[in-house]
Amino acid sequence: MATLKKRKLAGYILLESLVALSILVAISSLVLTEIQNQRSYFAHKNHEQEVLQLATMAVQTGQKELALNGIEVTVTQSPTELSVQADGKELIHVRKN
C-alpha cells in the first residue's frame, strides 16, 4: 500500500510540473512575441523618421533629389506648390493660395 501512495504522489508531482512548465512556455512565448512586435514597430517608425529628416534636408538645401542610406527623396516645386515623394509615396504636399 505504501508503494501505491508513493506512485500516486509522484504522478501528481509530475502532472503539476508539466502544467507549470506549459504555463511558463505560454507566458514566455507571449512575451517574446510582443518583444518582436515592438522591435519591428520601432524599426518602422525609425525608418519613417529618417525619411522625413531626409525630406527636410532636401527642402532646406533646395535639392530636387537627395539619396542617403538607401532612401531616395524627390522634391517637386512650383511657385504655388511643394511636393515631396519617397519610396513611391507622396509624403508632403503643400499648396499656397
N, C-alpha and C. Protein backbone atom coordinates (compact mmCIF):
# COMPACT_ATOMS: atom_id res chain seq x y z
N MET A 1 0.82 -1.20 0.00
CA MET A 1 0.00 0.00 0.00
C MET A 1 0.86 1.25 0.00
N ALA A 2 1.99 1.18 0.64
CA ALA A 2 2.87 2.35 0.73
C ALA A 2 3.44 2.68 -0.65
N THR A 3 3.77 1.68 -1.46
CA THR A 3 4.32 1.97 -2.79
C THR A 3 3.26 2.58 -3.71
N LEU A 4 2.00 2.22 -3.53
CA LEU A 4 0.93 2.80 -4.34
C LEU A 4 0.76 4.29 -4.03
N LYS A 5 0.86 4.67 -2.75
CA LYS A 5 0.75 6.08 -2.38
C LYS A 5 1.93 6.87 -2.94
N LYS A 6 3.11 6.28 -2.91
CA LYS A 6 4.29 6.96 -3.44
C LYS A 6 4.14 7.17 -4.95
N ARG A 7 3.58 6.18 -5.64
CA ARG A 7 3.38 6.32 -7.09
C ARG A 7 2.36 7.41 -7.40
N LYS A 8 1.27 7.46 -6.61
CA LYS A 8 0.26 8.50 -6.83
C LYS A 8 0.86 9.87 -6.57
N LEU A 9 1.64 9.98 -5.52
CA LEU A 9 2.28 11.25 -5.18
C LEU A 9 3.25 11.67 -6.27
N ALA A 10 4.03 10.74 -6.76
CA ALA A 10 4.98 11.05 -7.84
C ALA A 10 4.23 11.43 -9.11
N GLY A 11 3.10 10.79 -9.36
CA GLY A 11 2.28 11.12 -10.53
C GLY A 11 1.72 12.53 -10.43
N TYR A 12 1.25 12.92 -9.25
CA TYR A 12 0.72 14.27 -9.07
C TYR A 12 1.82 15.32 -9.20
N ILE A 13 2.98 15.02 -8.65
CA ILE A 13 4.11 15.95 -8.77
C ILE A 13 4.51 16.11 -10.24
N LEU A 14 4.54 15.02 -10.98
CA LEU A 14 4.87 15.08 -12.40
C LEU A 14 3.82 15.87 -13.18
N LEU A 15 2.55 15.63 -12.88
CA LEU A 15 1.47 16.36 -13.55
C LEU A 15 1.54 17.85 -13.26
N GLU A 16 1.75 18.21 -11.99
CA GLU A 16 1.86 19.62 -11.63
C GLU A 16 3.08 20.26 -12.30
N SER A 17 4.16 19.53 -12.40
CA SER A 17 5.36 20.05 -13.06
C SER A 17 5.10 20.30 -14.54
N LEU A 18 4.41 19.39 -15.19
CA LEU A 18 4.10 19.57 -16.61
C LEU A 18 3.16 20.75 -16.83
N VAL A 19 2.18 20.93 -15.96
CA VAL A 19 1.27 22.07 -16.07
C VAL A 19 2.03 23.37 -15.85
N ALA A 20 2.90 23.41 -14.84
CA ALA A 20 3.69 24.61 -14.59
C ALA A 20 4.63 24.91 -15.76
N LEU A 21 5.22 23.88 -16.33
CA LEU A 21 6.11 24.07 -17.47
C LEU A 21 5.34 24.60 -18.68
N SER A 22 4.15 24.07 -18.91
CA SER A 22 3.36 24.55 -20.06
C SER A 22 2.93 26.00 -19.86
N ILE A 23 2.60 26.39 -18.64
CA ILE A 23 2.25 27.79 -18.35
C ILE A 23 3.46 28.69 -18.57
N LEU A 24 4.62 28.25 -18.13
CA LEU A 24 5.85 29.02 -18.32
C LEU A 24 6.17 29.19 -19.80
N VAL A 25 6.00 28.13 -20.58
CA VAL A 25 6.25 28.20 -22.02
C VAL A 25 5.27 29.16 -22.68
N ALA A 26 4.00 29.12 -22.30
CA ALA A 26 2.99 30.00 -22.89
C ALA A 26 3.31 31.47 -22.58
N ILE A 27 3.63 31.75 -21.34
CA ILE A 27 3.95 33.13 -20.94
C ILE A 27 5.22 33.60 -21.65
N SER A 28 6.23 32.76 -21.71
CA SER A 28 7.48 33.13 -22.38
C SER A 28 7.26 33.41 -23.86
N SER A 29 6.47 32.58 -24.52
CA SER A 29 6.23 32.81 -25.94
C SER A 29 5.43 34.08 -26.17
N LEU A 30 4.50 34.41 -25.29
CA LEU A 30 3.75 35.66 -25.41
C LEU A 30 4.68 36.87 -25.25
N VAL A 31 5.55 36.81 -24.26
CA VAL A 31 6.48 37.91 -24.01
C VAL A 31 7.44 38.08 -25.19
N LEU A 32 7.99 36.99 -25.69
CA LEU A 32 8.93 37.07 -26.80
C LEU A 32 8.26 37.56 -28.09
N THR A 33 7.03 37.14 -28.32
CA THR A 33 6.28 37.62 -29.48
C THR A 33 6.04 39.11 -29.39
N GLU A 34 5.68 39.60 -28.20
CA GLU A 34 5.44 41.03 -28.03
C GLU A 34 6.72 41.83 -28.19
N ILE A 35 7.83 41.31 -27.71
CA ILE A 35 9.12 41.98 -27.89
C ILE A 35 9.46 42.08 -29.38
N GLN A 36 9.22 41.01 -30.12
CA GLN A 36 9.49 41.02 -31.55
C GLN A 36 8.59 42.02 -32.26
N ASN A 37 7.32 42.10 -31.89
CA ASN A 37 6.40 43.06 -32.50
C ASN A 37 6.84 44.49 -32.20
N GLN A 38 7.27 44.76 -30.98
CA GLN A 38 7.71 46.10 -30.61
C GLN A 38 8.98 46.49 -31.38
N ARG A 39 9.89 45.55 -31.56
CA ARG A 39 11.11 45.85 -32.32
C ARG A 39 10.79 46.19 -33.76
N SER A 40 9.89 45.45 -34.37
CA SER A 40 9.54 45.74 -35.75
C SER A 40 8.79 47.06 -35.86
N TYR A 41 7.95 47.38 -34.88
CA TYR A 41 7.24 48.66 -34.86
C TYR A 41 8.23 49.82 -34.75
N PHE A 42 9.19 49.71 -33.85
CA PHE A 42 10.17 50.78 -33.67
C PHE A 42 11.09 50.91 -34.89
N ALA A 43 11.42 49.79 -35.53
CA ALA A 43 12.23 49.85 -36.76
C ALA A 43 11.47 50.59 -37.86
N HIS A 44 10.17 50.32 -37.98
CA HIS A 44 9.35 51.01 -38.98
C HIS A 44 9.27 52.50 -38.67
N LYS A 45 9.06 52.85 -37.40
CA LYS A 45 8.97 54.26 -37.02
C LYS A 45 10.31 54.97 -37.22
N ASN A 46 11.41 54.31 -36.93
CA ASN A 46 12.73 54.91 -37.17
C ASN A 46 12.96 55.16 -38.65
N HIS A 47 12.51 54.23 -39.49
CA HIS A 47 12.63 54.41 -40.95
C HIS A 47 11.80 55.62 -41.39
N GLU A 48 10.58 55.73 -40.90
CA GLU A 48 9.74 56.89 -41.23
C GLU A 48 10.39 58.20 -40.79
N GLN A 49 10.97 58.20 -39.62
CA GLN A 49 11.63 59.39 -39.11
C GLN A 49 12.83 59.75 -39.99
N GLU A 50 13.59 58.76 -40.41
CA GLU A 50 14.75 59.01 -41.26
C GLU A 50 14.31 59.57 -42.61
N VAL A 51 13.21 59.06 -43.16
CA VAL A 51 12.71 59.56 -44.44
C VAL A 51 12.28 61.02 -44.29
N LEU A 52 11.57 61.34 -43.22
CA LEU A 52 11.13 62.72 -43.02
C LEU A 52 12.31 63.67 -42.79
N GLN A 53 13.33 63.23 -42.10
CA GLN A 53 14.51 64.07 -41.91
C GLN A 53 15.24 64.30 -43.23
N LEU A 54 15.30 63.27 -44.05
CA LEU A 54 15.93 63.42 -45.36
C LEU A 54 15.11 64.37 -46.24
N ALA A 55 13.80 64.27 -46.16
CA ALA A 55 12.94 65.19 -46.92
C ALA A 55 13.14 66.63 -46.44
N THR A 56 13.27 66.82 -45.15
CA THR A 56 13.53 68.16 -44.60
C THR A 56 14.86 68.70 -45.12
N MET A 57 15.88 67.86 -45.14
CA MET A 57 17.18 68.29 -45.65
C MET A 57 17.10 68.67 -47.13
N ALA A 58 16.35 67.88 -47.90
CA ALA A 58 16.23 68.17 -49.33
C ALA A 58 15.53 69.50 -49.55
N VAL A 59 14.48 69.78 -48.80
CA VAL A 59 13.76 71.04 -48.96
C VAL A 59 14.61 72.21 -48.50
N GLN A 60 15.31 72.04 -47.38
CA GLN A 60 16.12 73.14 -46.85
C GLN A 60 17.30 73.48 -47.75
N THR A 61 17.88 72.49 -48.39
CA THR A 61 19.03 72.75 -49.26
C THR A 61 18.62 73.08 -50.68
N GLY A 62 17.34 72.94 -50.99
CA GLY A 62 16.84 73.27 -52.33
C GLY A 62 17.17 72.24 -53.38
N GLN A 63 17.49 71.02 -52.99
CA GLN A 63 17.81 69.97 -53.95
C GLN A 63 16.53 69.30 -54.44
N LYS A 64 16.53 68.90 -55.72
CA LYS A 64 15.35 68.22 -56.28
C LYS A 64 15.35 66.74 -55.94
N GLU A 65 16.53 66.15 -55.82
CA GLU A 65 16.66 64.74 -55.45
C GLU A 65 17.77 64.60 -54.42
N LEU A 66 17.51 63.75 -53.44
CA LEU A 66 18.50 63.51 -52.40
C LEU A 66 18.42 62.05 -51.99
N ALA A 67 19.56 61.39 -51.90
CA ALA A 67 19.62 59.98 -51.52
C ALA A 67 20.62 59.81 -50.39
N LEU A 68 20.23 59.04 -49.40
CA LEU A 68 21.10 58.77 -48.26
C LEU A 68 20.63 57.50 -47.59
N ASN A 69 21.55 56.60 -47.27
CA ASN A 69 21.25 55.34 -46.58
C ASN A 69 20.18 54.52 -47.30
N GLY A 70 20.21 54.52 -48.63
CA GLY A 70 19.25 53.72 -49.39
C GLY A 70 17.88 54.34 -49.52
N ILE A 71 17.72 55.57 -49.07
CA ILE A 71 16.44 56.26 -49.16
C ILE A 71 16.58 57.38 -50.20
N GLU A 72 15.67 57.44 -51.13
CA GLU A 72 15.69 58.48 -52.15
C GLU A 72 14.47 59.37 -51.99
N VAL A 73 14.70 60.67 -51.96
CA VAL A 73 13.63 61.64 -51.80
C VAL A 73 13.64 62.55 -53.03
N THR A 74 12.47 62.79 -53.59
CA THR A 74 12.33 63.66 -54.74
C THR A 74 11.43 64.83 -54.36
N VAL A 75 11.89 66.05 -54.67
CA VAL A 75 11.13 67.26 -54.35
C VAL A 75 10.69 67.90 -55.66
N THR A 76 9.39 68.13 -55.77
CA THR A 76 8.83 68.82 -56.92
C THR A 76 8.29 70.15 -56.42
N GLN A 77 8.78 71.23 -57.03
CA GLN A 77 8.43 72.55 -56.52
C GLN A 77 8.00 73.46 -57.66
N SER A 78 6.92 74.17 -57.43
CA SER A 78 6.46 75.20 -58.36
C SER A 78 6.20 76.45 -57.53
N PRO A 79 5.87 77.58 -58.13
CA PRO A 79 5.65 78.79 -57.32
C PRO A 79 4.51 78.67 -56.31
N THR A 80 3.55 77.77 -56.57
CA THR A 80 2.41 77.66 -55.65
C THR A 80 2.33 76.34 -54.92
N GLU A 81 3.15 75.35 -55.30
CA GLU A 81 3.05 74.02 -54.70
C GLU A 81 4.42 73.45 -54.38
N LEU A 82 4.43 72.61 -53.36
CA LEU A 82 5.63 71.86 -52.99
C LEU A 82 5.20 70.44 -52.70
N SER A 83 5.88 69.48 -53.31
CA SER A 83 5.53 68.07 -53.13
C SER A 83 6.81 67.28 -52.87
N VAL A 84 6.76 66.39 -51.90
CA VAL A 84 7.92 65.55 -51.56
C VAL A 84 7.49 64.09 -51.65
N GLN A 85 8.23 63.30 -52.46
CA GLN A 85 7.94 61.88 -52.62
C GLN A 85 9.14 61.05 -52.16
N ALA A 86 8.82 59.91 -51.57
CA ALA A 86 9.86 58.94 -51.17
C ALA A 86 9.27 57.55 -51.26
N ASP A 87 10.03 56.60 -51.75
CA ASP A 87 9.59 55.21 -51.89
C ASP A 87 8.30 55.09 -52.68
N GLY A 88 8.11 55.96 -53.67
CA GLY A 88 6.91 55.90 -54.49
C GLY A 88 5.66 56.46 -53.83
N LYS A 89 5.81 57.05 -52.66
CA LYS A 89 4.67 57.61 -51.94
C LYS A 89 4.88 59.11 -51.76
N GLU A 90 3.78 59.82 -51.79
CA GLU A 90 3.86 61.27 -51.55
C GLU A 90 3.82 61.51 -50.04
N LEU A 91 4.88 62.12 -49.53
CA LEU A 91 4.97 62.37 -48.10
C LEU A 91 4.29 63.69 -47.74
N ILE A 92 4.62 64.72 -48.50
CA ILE A 92 4.13 66.06 -48.17
C ILE A 92 3.65 66.72 -49.46
N HIS A 93 2.52 67.37 -49.37
CA HIS A 93 2.03 68.17 -50.50
C HIS A 93 1.48 69.46 -49.91
N VAL A 94 2.12 70.57 -50.25
CA VAL A 94 1.73 71.87 -49.71
C VAL A 94 1.33 72.76 -50.89
N ARG A 95 0.18 73.41 -50.74
CA ARG A 95 -0.31 74.31 -51.78
C ARG A 95 -0.50 75.69 -51.18
N LYS A 96 -0.03 76.69 -51.90
CA LYS A 96 -0.14 78.08 -51.44
C LYS A 96 -1.29 78.75 -52.19
N ASN A 97 -2.16 79.43 -51.45
CA ASN A 97 -3.30 80.11 -52.09
C ASN A 97 -2.93 81.52 -52.45
